[in-house]
Amino acid sequence: MCTGDNVATATAISKECGILQEEDLKNEYAVMEGNTFKELVGELVEVNDPVTNSKVEKPKELEKFRQIVSQLKVLARSHPEDKYLLVSGLRYLGNVVAVTGDGTNDGPALKKADVGFSMGLTGSEVAKEASDIVLLDDNFASIITAIKWGRNIYCSIRKFLQFQLTVNLVALYICFIGGLILGDSPLTPI
């Protein structure tokens, strides 16, 4: 959870949501403030990605970032730069990142994420434009519904393509064999 609230409020809310457990409080990196996070991992630096040969951003202290992110549960008092740093670092490490937000300050992180969810009723226009999916009812449970619909559509497209490829390959085989044996295709448009 990445929020602008103070540590006490963020901790209480994350406990209620089940993000933070009592045993997590023993960990020094479980709950952090944005400024502390930025001091430990450094600013973003641009590097050349050897695979795509394009510029990508990564945290300056990448090993420290890995160590912190593996234990981080709540980032409180975070600024837009902290959210963007977190999303950029996670993407650089190969993670799939989804971000939810409703304010103008969430725009950069929403845009950088693989999937950005913004709130349709209370969200700012900047957040809506930067996100991939706008939740019309501002209900986080709608994210689960959107994921289910997305997976269903993806599965249906795969099944359709599999069916079409199978039918077309069989039709092509019949036309080829029929053309060799009969001298004419047994399948006609009619």
N, C-alpha and C. Protein backbone atom coordinates (compact mmCIF):
# COMPACT_ATOMS: atom_id res chain seq x y z
N MET A 1 0.85 -1.17 0.00
CA MET A 1 0.00 0.00 0.00
C MET A 1 0.89 1.23 0.00
N CYS A 2 0.66 2.10 -0.92
CA CYS A 2 1.46 3.32 -1.08
C CYS A 2 0.50 4.50 -0.91
N THR A 3 0.69 5.27 0.15
CA THR A 3 -0.28 6.31 0.47
C THR A 3 0.42 7.57 0.97
N GLY A 4 -0.28 8.66 0.91
CA GLY A 4 0.22 9.92 1.43
C GLY A 4 -0.09 10.12 2.90
N ASP A 5 -0.87 9.21 3.51
CA ASP A 5 -1.21 9.31 4.92
C ASP A 5 0.02 9.10 5.80
N ASN A 6 -0.12 9.51 7.07
CA ASN A 6 1.01 9.30 8.00
C ASN A 6 1.13 7.82 8.36
N VAL A 7 2.23 7.47 8.99
CA VAL A 7 2.55 6.07 9.26
C VAL A 7 1.49 5.40 10.14
N ALA A 8 1.03 6.09 11.18
CA ALA A 8 0.05 5.50 12.09
C ALA A 8 -1.26 5.17 11.37
N THR A 9 -1.75 6.12 10.58
CA THR A 9 -2.99 5.91 9.83
C THR A 9 -2.82 4.80 8.80
N ALA A 10 -1.73 4.84 8.06
CA ALA A 10 -1.47 3.82 7.03
C ALA A 10 -1.34 2.44 7.64
N THR A 11 -0.69 2.34 8.80
CA THR A 11 -0.53 1.05 9.48
C THR A 11 -1.89 0.51 9.92
N ALA A 12 -2.71 1.38 10.50
CA ALA A 12 -4.03 0.95 10.97
C ALA A 12 -4.91 0.47 9.81
N ILE A 13 -4.91 1.22 8.72
CA ILE A 13 -5.73 0.84 7.56
C ILE A 13 -5.22 -0.45 6.94
N SER A 14 -3.91 -0.59 6.82
CA SER A 14 -3.36 -1.80 6.21
C SER A 14 -3.60 -3.03 7.07
N LYS A 15 -3.67 -2.86 8.39
CA LYS A 15 -4.02 -3.99 9.26
C LYS A 15 -5.47 -4.40 9.03
N GLU A 16 -6.36 -3.40 8.90
CA GLU A 16 -7.78 -3.70 8.67
C GLU A 16 -7.99 -4.41 7.33
N CYS A 17 -7.20 -4.03 6.34
CA CYS A 17 -7.33 -4.63 5.00
C CYS A 17 -6.63 -5.97 4.87
N GLY A 18 -5.83 -6.34 5.87
CA GLY A 18 -5.11 -7.60 5.81
C GLY A 18 -3.79 -7.53 5.07
N ILE A 19 -3.34 -6.33 4.76
CA ILE A 19 -2.05 -6.15 4.07
C ILE A 19 -0.90 -6.36 5.04
N LEU A 20 -1.06 -5.84 6.25
CA LEU A 20 -0.01 -5.87 7.26
C LEU A 20 -0.44 -6.77 8.42
N GLN A 21 0.42 -7.72 8.77
CA GLN A 21 0.17 -8.62 9.89
C GLN A 21 1.03 -8.18 11.09
N GLU A 22 0.72 -8.68 12.26
CA GLU A 22 1.48 -8.32 13.47
C GLU A 22 2.95 -8.70 13.35
N GLU A 23 3.23 -9.87 12.76
CA GLU A 23 4.62 -10.31 12.64
C GLU A 23 5.41 -9.43 11.66
N ASP A 24 4.71 -8.73 10.75
CA ASP A 24 5.39 -7.83 9.82
C ASP A 24 5.97 -6.61 10.53
N LEU A 25 5.39 -6.24 11.65
CA LEU A 25 5.86 -5.05 12.36
C LEU A 25 7.27 -5.22 12.93
N LYS A 26 7.73 -6.46 13.06
CA LYS A 26 9.10 -6.71 13.54
C LYS A 26 10.12 -6.41 12.45
N ASN A 27 9.70 -6.41 11.22
CA ASN A 27 10.58 -6.17 10.09
C ASN A 27 10.81 -4.68 9.91
N GLU A 28 12.06 -4.25 9.75
CA GLU A 28 12.37 -2.83 9.65
C GLU A 28 11.89 -2.20 8.35
N TYR A 29 11.71 -3.00 7.29
CA TYR A 29 11.30 -2.45 6.00
C TYR A 29 9.82 -2.66 5.70
N ALA A 30 9.06 -3.22 6.61
CA ALA A 30 7.65 -3.49 6.35
C ALA A 30 6.85 -2.20 6.19
N VAL A 31 7.11 -1.23 7.05
CA VAL A 31 6.42 0.07 6.99
C VAL A 31 7.49 1.14 6.91
N MET A 32 7.43 1.94 5.86
CA MET A 32 8.43 2.99 5.66
C MET A 32 7.75 4.28 5.22
N GLU A 33 8.46 5.38 5.42
CA GLU A 33 8.02 6.66 4.87
C GLU A 33 8.68 6.84 3.51
N GLY A 34 8.03 7.60 2.66
CA GLY A 34 8.53 7.81 1.31
C GLY A 34 9.92 8.40 1.25
N ASN A 35 10.19 9.39 2.13
CA ASN A 35 11.52 10.02 2.12
C ASN A 35 12.61 9.03 2.49
N THR A 36 12.36 8.19 3.48
CA THR A 36 13.34 7.18 3.89
C THR A 36 13.58 6.19 2.76
N PHE A 37 12.51 5.78 2.11
CA PHE A 37 12.60 4.86 0.98
C PHE A 37 13.49 5.45 -0.12
N LYS A 38 13.23 6.71 -0.45
CA LYS A 38 14.00 7.37 -1.52
C LYS A 38 15.47 7.53 -1.14
N GLU A 39 15.75 7.82 0.13
CA GLU A 39 17.13 7.96 0.59
C GLU A 39 17.89 6.63 0.47
N LEU A 40 17.21 5.54 0.80
CA LEU A 40 17.87 4.23 0.79
C LEU A 40 18.11 3.69 -0.62
N VAL A 41 17.14 3.87 -1.53
CA VAL A 41 17.28 3.28 -2.86
C VAL A 41 17.83 4.26 -3.89
N GLY A 42 17.88 5.54 -3.56
CA GLY A 42 18.40 6.54 -4.50
C GLY A 42 17.37 6.94 -5.53
N GLU A 43 17.78 7.86 -6.37
CA GLU A 43 16.91 8.36 -7.44
C GLU A 43 16.88 7.36 -8.59
N LEU A 44 16.03 7.62 -9.54
CA LEU A 44 15.99 6.81 -10.75
C LEU A 44 17.10 7.25 -11.70
N VAL A 45 17.74 6.28 -12.33
CA VAL A 45 18.75 6.57 -13.34
C VAL A 45 18.35 5.86 -14.63
N GLU A 46 18.67 6.46 -15.75
CA GLU A 46 18.37 5.85 -17.04
C GLU A 46 19.52 4.96 -17.47
N VAL A 47 19.18 3.76 -17.91
CA VAL A 47 20.16 2.81 -18.43
C VAL A 47 19.65 2.28 -19.76
N ASN A 48 20.55 1.73 -20.54
CA ASN A 48 20.17 1.16 -21.83
C ASN A 48 19.80 -0.31 -21.64
N ASP A 49 18.61 -0.67 -22.06
CA ASP A 49 18.16 -2.06 -21.98
C ASP A 49 18.76 -2.84 -23.15
N PRO A 50 19.58 -3.87 -22.86
CA PRO A 50 20.22 -4.60 -23.95
C PRO A 50 19.25 -5.39 -24.81
N VAL A 51 18.11 -5.78 -24.27
CA VAL A 51 17.15 -6.58 -25.03
C VAL A 51 16.41 -5.71 -26.05
N THR A 52 15.84 -4.61 -25.59
CA THR A 52 15.05 -3.75 -26.47
C THR A 52 15.86 -2.60 -27.06
N ASN A 53 17.07 -2.40 -26.57
CA ASN A 53 17.95 -1.30 -26.98
C ASN A 53 17.27 0.05 -26.82
N SER A 54 16.56 0.21 -25.71
CA SER A 54 15.90 1.47 -25.41
C SER A 54 16.27 1.89 -23.99
N LYS A 55 15.97 3.12 -23.67
CA LYS A 55 16.26 3.65 -22.33
C LYS A 55 15.19 3.20 -21.34
N VAL A 56 15.62 2.69 -20.20
CA VAL A 56 14.71 2.32 -19.11
C VAL A 56 15.22 2.94 -17.83
N GLU A 57 14.31 3.10 -16.88
CA GLU A 57 14.68 3.69 -15.59
C GLU A 57 14.82 2.59 -14.55
N LYS A 58 15.84 2.74 -13.70
CA LYS A 58 16.03 1.81 -12.60
C LYS A 58 16.50 2.59 -11.38
N PRO A 59 16.26 2.05 -10.17
CA PRO A 59 16.76 2.72 -8.97
C PRO A 59 18.29 2.70 -8.94
N LYS A 60 18.86 3.74 -8.41
CA LYS A 60 20.32 3.86 -8.36
C LYS A 60 20.93 2.73 -7.55
N GLU A 61 20.36 2.44 -6.39
CA GLU A 61 20.82 1.35 -5.52
C GLU A 61 19.91 0.15 -5.72
N LEU A 62 20.12 -0.59 -6.80
CA LEU A 62 19.21 -1.67 -7.19
C LEU A 62 19.18 -2.80 -6.17
N GLU A 63 20.32 -3.20 -5.62
CA GLU A 63 20.35 -4.29 -4.65
C GLU A 63 19.61 -3.91 -3.37
N LYS A 64 19.77 -2.68 -2.93
CA LYS A 64 19.04 -2.20 -1.75
C LYS A 64 17.53 -2.17 -2.06
N PHE A 65 17.19 -1.76 -3.28
CA PHE A 65 15.79 -1.74 -3.69
C PHE A 65 15.20 -3.15 -3.62
N ARG A 66 15.93 -4.15 -4.16
CA ARG A 66 15.45 -5.54 -4.09
C ARG A 66 15.21 -5.97 -2.65
N GLN A 67 16.16 -5.64 -1.79
CA GLN A 67 16.06 -6.04 -0.38
C GLN A 67 14.84 -5.41 0.28
N ILE A 68 14.63 -4.13 0.03
CA ILE A 68 13.51 -3.42 0.66
C ILE A 68 12.17 -3.89 0.09
N VAL A 69 12.07 -3.99 -1.22
CA VAL A 69 10.79 -4.34 -1.86
C VAL A 69 10.33 -5.74 -1.48
N SER A 70 11.27 -6.64 -1.24
CA SER A 70 10.87 -7.99 -0.86
C SER A 70 10.18 -8.02 0.50
N GLN A 71 10.37 -6.99 1.32
CA GLN A 71 9.79 -6.95 2.65
C GLN A 71 8.77 -5.82 2.83
N LEU A 72 8.73 -4.86 1.92
CA LEU A 72 7.88 -3.68 2.04
C LEU A 72 6.40 -4.03 1.92
N LYS A 73 5.60 -3.56 2.86
CA LYS A 73 4.15 -3.75 2.83
C LYS A 73 3.41 -2.42 2.72
N VAL A 74 3.93 -1.38 3.42
CA VAL A 74 3.26 -0.09 3.47
C VAL A 74 4.28 1.02 3.26
N LEU A 75 4.00 1.89 2.30
CA LEU A 75 4.83 3.07 2.07
C LEU A 75 3.98 4.29 2.39
N ALA A 76 4.24 4.90 3.54
CA ALA A 76 3.43 6.02 4.03
C ALA A 76 4.14 7.35 3.72
N ARG A 77 3.39 8.43 3.79
CA ARG A 77 3.92 9.77 3.52
C ARG A 77 4.68 9.79 2.20
N SER A 78 4.13 9.11 1.21
CA SER A 78 4.82 9.02 -0.07
C SER A 78 4.36 10.15 -0.99
N HIS A 79 5.29 10.64 -1.75
CA HIS A 79 5.04 11.68 -2.74
C HIS A 79 4.87 11.01 -4.10
N PRO A 80 4.41 11.75 -5.10
CA PRO A 80 4.28 11.16 -6.44
C PRO A 80 5.59 10.56 -6.95
N GLU A 81 6.72 11.20 -6.62
CA GLU A 81 8.02 10.68 -7.06
C GLU A 81 8.33 9.32 -6.42
N ASP A 82 7.91 9.15 -5.17
CA ASP A 82 8.15 7.88 -4.48
C ASP A 82 7.34 6.75 -5.13
N LYS A 83 6.08 7.05 -5.48
CA LYS A 83 5.23 6.06 -6.13
C LYS A 83 5.81 5.70 -7.49
N TYR A 84 6.25 6.71 -8.22
CA TYR A 84 6.83 6.47 -9.54
C TYR A 84 8.12 5.66 -9.42
N LEU A 85 8.93 5.96 -8.42
CA LEU A 85 10.17 5.21 -8.17
C LEU A 85 9.87 3.76 -7.87
N LEU A 86 8.87 3.50 -7.04
CA LEU A 86 8.50 2.13 -6.68
C LEU A 86 8.01 1.36 -7.91
N VAL A 87 7.14 1.97 -8.69
CA VAL A 87 6.60 1.30 -9.88
C VAL A 87 7.70 1.05 -10.90
N SER A 88 8.55 2.04 -11.13
CA SER A 88 9.64 1.89 -12.10
C SER A 88 10.60 0.79 -11.69
N GLY A 89 10.95 0.74 -10.40
CA GLY A 89 11.86 -0.29 -9.91
C GLY A 89 11.26 -1.68 -10.03
N LEU A 90 10.00 -1.81 -9.68
CA LEU A 90 9.34 -3.11 -9.79
C LEU A 90 9.28 -3.58 -11.25
N ARG A 91 8.97 -2.66 -12.15
CA ARG A 91 8.92 -3.03 -13.57
C ARG A 91 10.31 -3.39 -14.09
N TYR A 92 11.33 -2.68 -13.62
CA TYR A 92 12.71 -3.00 -14.05
C TYR A 92 13.10 -4.40 -13.62
N LEU A 93 12.60 -4.83 -12.46
CA LEU A 93 12.91 -6.17 -11.96
C LEU A 93 12.06 -7.25 -12.63
N GLY A 94 11.17 -6.86 -13.54
CA GLY A 94 10.39 -7.84 -14.29
C GLY A 94 9.04 -8.17 -13.69
N ASN A 95 8.60 -7.41 -12.71
CA ASN A 95 7.30 -7.65 -12.11
C ASN A 95 6.19 -7.01 -12.94
N VAL A 96 5.01 -7.57 -12.87
CA VAL A 96 3.83 -6.97 -13.46
C VAL A 96 3.21 -6.09 -12.39
N VAL A 97 3.00 -4.82 -12.72
CA VAL A 97 2.58 -3.85 -11.72
C VAL A 97 1.21 -3.26 -12.07
N ALA A 98 0.30 -3.28 -11.09
CA ALA A 98 -0.99 -2.63 -11.22
C ALA A 98 -1.06 -1.52 -10.16
N VAL A 99 -1.57 -0.37 -10.55
CA VAL A 99 -1.65 0.78 -9.65
C VAL A 99 -3.08 1.29 -9.65
N THR A 100 -3.59 1.62 -8.47
CA THR A 100 -4.88 2.29 -8.37
C THR A 100 -4.65 3.69 -7.84
N GLY A 101 -5.44 4.63 -8.33
CA GLY A 101 -5.29 6.00 -7.87
C GLY A 101 -6.46 6.85 -8.31
N ASP A 102 -6.57 8.01 -7.66
CA ASP A 102 -7.67 8.89 -8.02
C ASP A 102 -7.25 10.35 -8.15
N GLY A 103 -6.03 10.67 -7.75
CA GLY A 103 -5.60 12.05 -7.76
C GLY A 103 -4.65 12.38 -8.89
N THR A 104 -4.44 13.68 -9.06
CA THR A 104 -3.50 14.16 -10.06
C THR A 104 -2.10 13.64 -9.78
N ASN A 105 -1.76 13.52 -8.49
CA ASN A 105 -0.42 13.05 -8.12
C ASN A 105 -0.20 11.58 -8.46
N ASP A 106 -1.25 10.82 -8.71
CA ASP A 106 -1.12 9.41 -9.06
C ASP A 106 -0.88 9.21 -10.56
N GLY A 107 -1.02 10.25 -11.35
CA GLY A 107 -0.91 10.15 -12.80
C GLY A 107 0.37 9.49 -13.30
N PRO A 108 1.56 9.94 -12.87
CA PRO A 108 2.79 9.32 -13.38
C PRO A 108 2.89 7.82 -13.07
N ALA A 109 2.51 7.43 -11.85
CA ALA A 109 2.58 6.01 -11.48
C ALA A 109 1.55 5.20 -12.25
N LEU A 110 0.36 5.75 -12.47
CA LEU A 110 -0.68 5.07 -13.24
C LEU A 110 -0.21 4.84 -14.68
N LYS A 111 0.44 5.84 -15.24
CA LYS A 111 0.92 5.74 -16.62
C LYS A 111 2.06 4.74 -16.75
N LYS A 112 2.95 4.70 -15.76
CA LYS A 112 4.12 3.82 -15.80
C LYS A 112 3.75 2.35 -15.57
N ALA A 113 2.69 2.10 -14.81
CA ALA A 113 2.30 0.73 -14.45
C ALA A 113 1.85 -0.05 -15.68
N ASP A 114 1.90 -1.37 -15.56
CA ASP A 114 1.39 -2.23 -16.63
C ASP A 114 -0.11 -2.02 -16.79
N VAL A 115 -0.81 -1.92 -15.67
CA VAL A 115 -2.25 -1.67 -15.67
C VAL A 115 -2.55 -0.61 -14.62
N GLY A 116 -3.21 0.44 -15.04
CA GLY A 116 -3.60 1.51 -14.12
C GLY A 116 -5.10 1.55 -13.96
N PHE A 117 -5.55 1.54 -12.71
CA PHE A 117 -6.98 1.64 -12.39
C PHE A 117 -7.22 3.00 -11.75
N SER A 118 -8.18 3.76 -12.28
CA SER A 118 -8.53 5.03 -11.64
C SER A 118 -10.01 5.03 -11.29
N MET A 119 -10.36 5.95 -10.42
CA MET A 119 -11.73 6.05 -9.95
C MET A 119 -12.54 6.98 -10.86
N GLY A 120 -13.68 6.51 -11.32
CA GLY A 120 -14.49 7.26 -12.26
C GLY A 120 -15.29 8.39 -11.66
N LEU A 121 -15.77 8.22 -10.44
CA LEU A 121 -16.61 9.24 -9.82
C LEU A 121 -15.78 10.33 -9.13
N THR A 122 -14.84 9.91 -8.30
CA THR A 122 -14.07 10.88 -7.51
C THR A 122 -12.70 11.16 -8.10
N GLY A 123 -12.31 10.44 -9.13
CA GLY A 123 -10.97 10.60 -9.69
C GLY A 123 -10.82 11.86 -10.52
N SER A 124 -9.59 12.36 -10.55
CA SER A 124 -9.32 13.54 -11.36
C SER A 124 -9.20 13.14 -12.83
N GLU A 125 -9.32 14.12 -13.69
CA GLU A 125 -9.22 13.85 -15.13
C GLU A 125 -7.82 13.36 -15.50
N VAL A 126 -6.80 13.85 -14.79
CA VAL A 126 -5.42 13.41 -15.05
C VAL A 126 -5.29 11.92 -14.76
N ALA A 127 -5.85 11.47 -13.64
CA ALA A 127 -5.79 10.06 -13.28
C ALA A 127 -6.55 9.21 -14.29
N LYS A 128 -7.71 9.67 -14.72
CA LYS A 128 -8.51 8.92 -15.69
C LYS A 128 -7.78 8.78 -17.02
N GLU A 129 -7.13 9.85 -17.46
CA GLU A 129 -6.41 9.82 -18.73
C GLU A 129 -5.17 8.93 -18.65
N ALA A 130 -4.52 8.90 -17.50
CA ALA A 130 -3.28 8.13 -17.34
C ALA A 130 -3.54 6.65 -17.14
N SER A 131 -4.75 6.29 -16.72
CA SER A 131 -5.02 4.89 -16.40
C SER A 131 -5.52 4.12 -17.61
N ASP A 132 -5.44 2.80 -17.48
CA ASP A 132 -5.92 1.91 -18.53
C ASP A 132 -7.39 1.56 -18.33
N ILE A 133 -7.80 1.46 -17.06
CA ILE A 133 -9.17 1.07 -16.71
C ILE A 133 -9.73 2.08 -15.73
N VAL A 134 -10.92 2.59 -16.02
CA VAL A 134 -11.60 3.53 -15.13
C VAL A 134 -12.74 2.80 -14.45
N LEU A 135 -12.71 2.76 -13.11
CA LEU A 135 -13.77 2.11 -12.33
C LEU A 135 -14.92 3.09 -12.18
N LEU A 136 -16.01 2.83 -12.85
CA LEU A 136 -17.12 3.78 -12.89
C LEU A 136 -17.81 3.93 -11.55
N ASP A 137 -17.76 2.89 -10.70
CA ASP A 137 -18.46 2.95 -9.43
C ASP A 137 -17.53 3.23 -8.24
N ASP A 138 -16.24 3.45 -8.47
CA ASP A 138 -15.25 3.72 -7.41
C ASP A 138 -15.17 2.62 -6.37
N ASN A 139 -15.48 1.40 -6.75
CA ASN A 139 -15.48 0.28 -5.83
C ASN A 139 -14.30 -0.63 -6.17
N PHE A 140 -13.43 -0.88 -5.17
CA PHE A 140 -12.26 -1.71 -5.41
C PHE A 140 -12.64 -3.14 -5.78
N ALA A 141 -13.80 -3.59 -5.36
CA ALA A 141 -14.25 -4.93 -5.73
C ALA A 141 -14.47 -5.04 -7.24
N SER A 142 -14.66 -3.91 -7.90
CA SER A 142 -14.83 -3.91 -9.35
C SER A 142 -13.54 -4.33 -10.06
N ILE A 143 -12.40 -4.16 -9.40
CA ILE A 143 -11.13 -4.59 -9.99
C ILE A 143 -11.15 -6.10 -10.19
N ILE A 144 -11.67 -6.82 -9.19
CA ILE A 144 -11.74 -8.27 -9.29
C ILE A 144 -12.68 -8.66 -10.43
N THR A 145 -13.79 -7.97 -10.55
CA THR A 145 -14.73 -8.22 -11.64
C THR A 145 -14.08 -7.95 -12.98
N ALA A 146 -13.31 -6.84 -13.07
CA ALA A 146 -12.63 -6.51 -14.32
C ALA A 146 -11.60 -7.58 -14.69
N ILE A 147 -10.90 -8.10 -13.70
CA ILE A 147 -9.92 -9.15 -13.95
C ILE A 147 -10.62 -10.42 -14.45
N LYS A 148 -11.74 -10.76 -13.82
CA LYS A 148 -12.49 -11.94 -14.26
C LYS A 148 -12.97 -11.79 -15.70
N TRP A 149 -13.52 -10.61 -16.04
CA TRP A 149 -14.00 -10.38 -17.40
C TRP A 149 -12.83 -10.41 -18.38
N GLY A 150 -11.72 -9.81 -18.01
CA GLY A 150 -10.56 -9.80 -18.89
C GLY A 150 -10.04 -11.20 -19.16
N ARG A 151 -9.96 -12.02 -18.12
CA ARG A 151 -9.50 -13.40 -18.30
C ARG A 151 -10.49 -14.20 -19.14
N ASN A 152 -11.78 -13.95 -18.95
CA ASN A 152 -12.80 -14.64 -19.72
C ASN A 152 -12.69 -14.28 -21.20
N ILE A 153 -12.51 -13.01 -21.49
CA ILE A 153 -12.38 -12.56 -22.88
C ILE A 153 -11.13 -13.17 -23.51
N TYR A 154 -10.02 -13.15 -22.78
CA TYR A 154 -8.77 -13.71 -23.27
C TYR A 154 -8.94 -15.20 -23.58
N CYS A 155 -9.58 -15.93 -22.67
CA CYS A 155 -9.81 -17.37 -22.85
C CYS A 155 -10.72 -17.62 -24.05
N SER A 156 -11.75 -16.80 -24.22
CA SER A 156 -12.68 -16.96 -25.34
C SER A 156 -11.97 -16.70 -26.67
N ILE A 157 -11.11 -15.71 -26.72
CA ILE A 157 -10.37 -15.42 -27.95
C ILE A 157 -9.44 -16.58 -28.29
N ARG A 158 -8.78 -17.14 -27.29
CA ARG A 158 -7.90 -18.29 -27.53
C ARG A 158 -8.69 -19.48 -28.08
N LYS A 159 -9.85 -19.75 -27.49
CA LYS A 159 -10.68 -20.87 -27.95
C LYS A 159 -11.15 -20.63 -29.39
N PHE A 160 -11.56 -19.40 -29.69
CA PHE A 160 -12.02 -19.08 -31.03
C PHE A 160 -10.91 -19.27 -32.05
N LEU A 161 -9.71 -18.77 -31.74
CA LEU A 161 -8.59 -18.93 -32.67
C LEU A 161 -8.21 -20.40 -32.85
N GLN A 162 -8.24 -21.16 -31.77
CA GLN A 162 -7.94 -22.58 -31.86
C GLN A 162 -8.96 -23.28 -32.77
N PHE A 163 -10.22 -22.96 -32.58
CA PHE A 163 -11.28 -23.54 -33.41
C PHE A 163 -11.09 -23.17 -34.88
N GLN A 164 -10.86 -21.88 -35.16
CA GLN A 164 -10.71 -21.42 -36.53
C GLN A 164 -9.51 -22.05 -37.22
N LEU A 165 -8.39 -22.13 -36.50
CA LEU A 165 -7.19 -22.74 -37.08
C LEU A 165 -7.43 -24.22 -37.41
N THR A 166 -8.08 -24.92 -36.51
CA THR A 166 -8.37 -26.33 -36.73
C THR A 166 -9.27 -26.52 -37.95
N VAL A 167 -10.35 -25.79 -38.03
CA VAL A 167 -11.30 -25.91 -39.14
C VAL A 167 -10.62 -25.53 -40.46
N ASN A 168 -9.87 -24.45 -40.46
CA ASN A 168 -9.23 -24.00 -41.70
C ASN A 168 -8.15 -24.97 -42.16
N LEU A 169 -7.41 -25.56 -41.25
CA LEU A 169 -6.40 -26.54 -41.63
C LEU A 169 -7.05 -27.79 -42.24
N VAL A 170 -8.13 -28.24 -41.65
CA VAL A 170 -8.85 -29.40 -42.19
C VAL A 170 -9.41 -29.08 -43.57
N ALA A 171 -10.00 -27.89 -43.73
CA ALA A 171 -10.55 -27.50 -45.04
C ALA A 171 -9.45 -27.40 -46.08
N LEU A 172 -8.31 -26.86 -45.70
CA LEU A 172 -7.18 -26.76 -46.62
C LEU A 172 -6.68 -28.13 -47.03
N TYR A 173 -6.61 -29.05 -46.09
CA TYR A 173 -6.17 -30.42 -46.36
C TYR A 173 -7.15 -31.12 -47.31
N ILE A 174 -8.44 -30.96 -47.06
CA ILE A 174 -9.47 -31.59 -47.92
C ILE A 174 -9.39 -31.03 -49.34
N CYS A 175 -9.23 -29.71 -49.46
CA CYS A 175 -9.13 -29.09 -50.79
C CYS A 175 -7.89 -29.56 -51.53
N PHE A 176 -6.78 -29.69 -50.84
CA PHE A 176 -5.53 -30.11 -51.47
C PHE A 176 -5.62 -31.56 -51.94
N ILE A 177 -6.06 -32.44 -51.04
CA ILE A 177 -6.18 -33.87 -51.39
C ILE A 177 -7.25 -34.06 -52.48
N GLY A 178 -8.38 -33.37 -52.34
CA GLY A 178 -9.44 -33.47 -53.35
C GLY A 178 -8.96 -32.96 -54.69
N GLY A 179 -8.17 -31.90 -54.69
CA GLY A 179 -7.63 -31.37 -55.95
C GLY A 179 -6.68 -32.34 -56.61
N LEU A 180 -5.89 -33.06 -55.81
CA LEU A 180 -4.97 -34.05 -56.38
C LEU A 180 -5.71 -35.26 -56.93
N ILE A 181 -6.69 -35.74 -56.21
CA ILE A 181 -7.40 -36.96 -56.61
C ILE A 181 -8.47 -36.68 -57.66
N LEU A 182 -9.33 -35.69 -57.42
CA LEU A 182 -10.47 -35.40 -58.31
C LEU A 182 -10.14 -34.40 -59.40
N GLY A 183 -9.09 -33.67 -59.22
CA GLY A 183 -8.75 -32.64 -60.19
C GLY A 183 -9.50 -31.34 -59.92
N ASP A 184 -10.40 -31.35 -58.92
CA ASP A 184 -11.17 -30.15 -58.56
C ASP A 184 -11.39 -30.19 -57.06
N SER A 185 -11.57 -29.03 -56.50
CA SER A 185 -11.78 -28.96 -55.05
C SER A 185 -13.18 -29.49 -54.68
N PRO A 186 -13.26 -30.39 -53.71
CA PRO A 186 -14.59 -30.88 -53.29
C PRO A 186 -15.37 -29.83 -52.50
N LEU A 187 -14.72 -28.83 -51.96
CA LEU A 187 -15.41 -27.78 -51.22
C LEU A 187 -15.59 -26.56 -52.12
N THR A 188 -16.82 -26.17 -52.29
CA THR A 188 -17.14 -24.99 -53.08
C THR A 188 -17.77 -23.96 -52.16
N PRO A 189 -17.87 -22.72 -52.60
CA PRO A 189 -18.49 -21.70 -51.74
C PRO A 189 -19.91 -22.03 -51.32
N ILE A 190 -20.66 -22.73 -52.17
CA ILE A 190 -22.03 -23.08 -51.85
C ILE A 190 -22.05 -24.23 -50.87
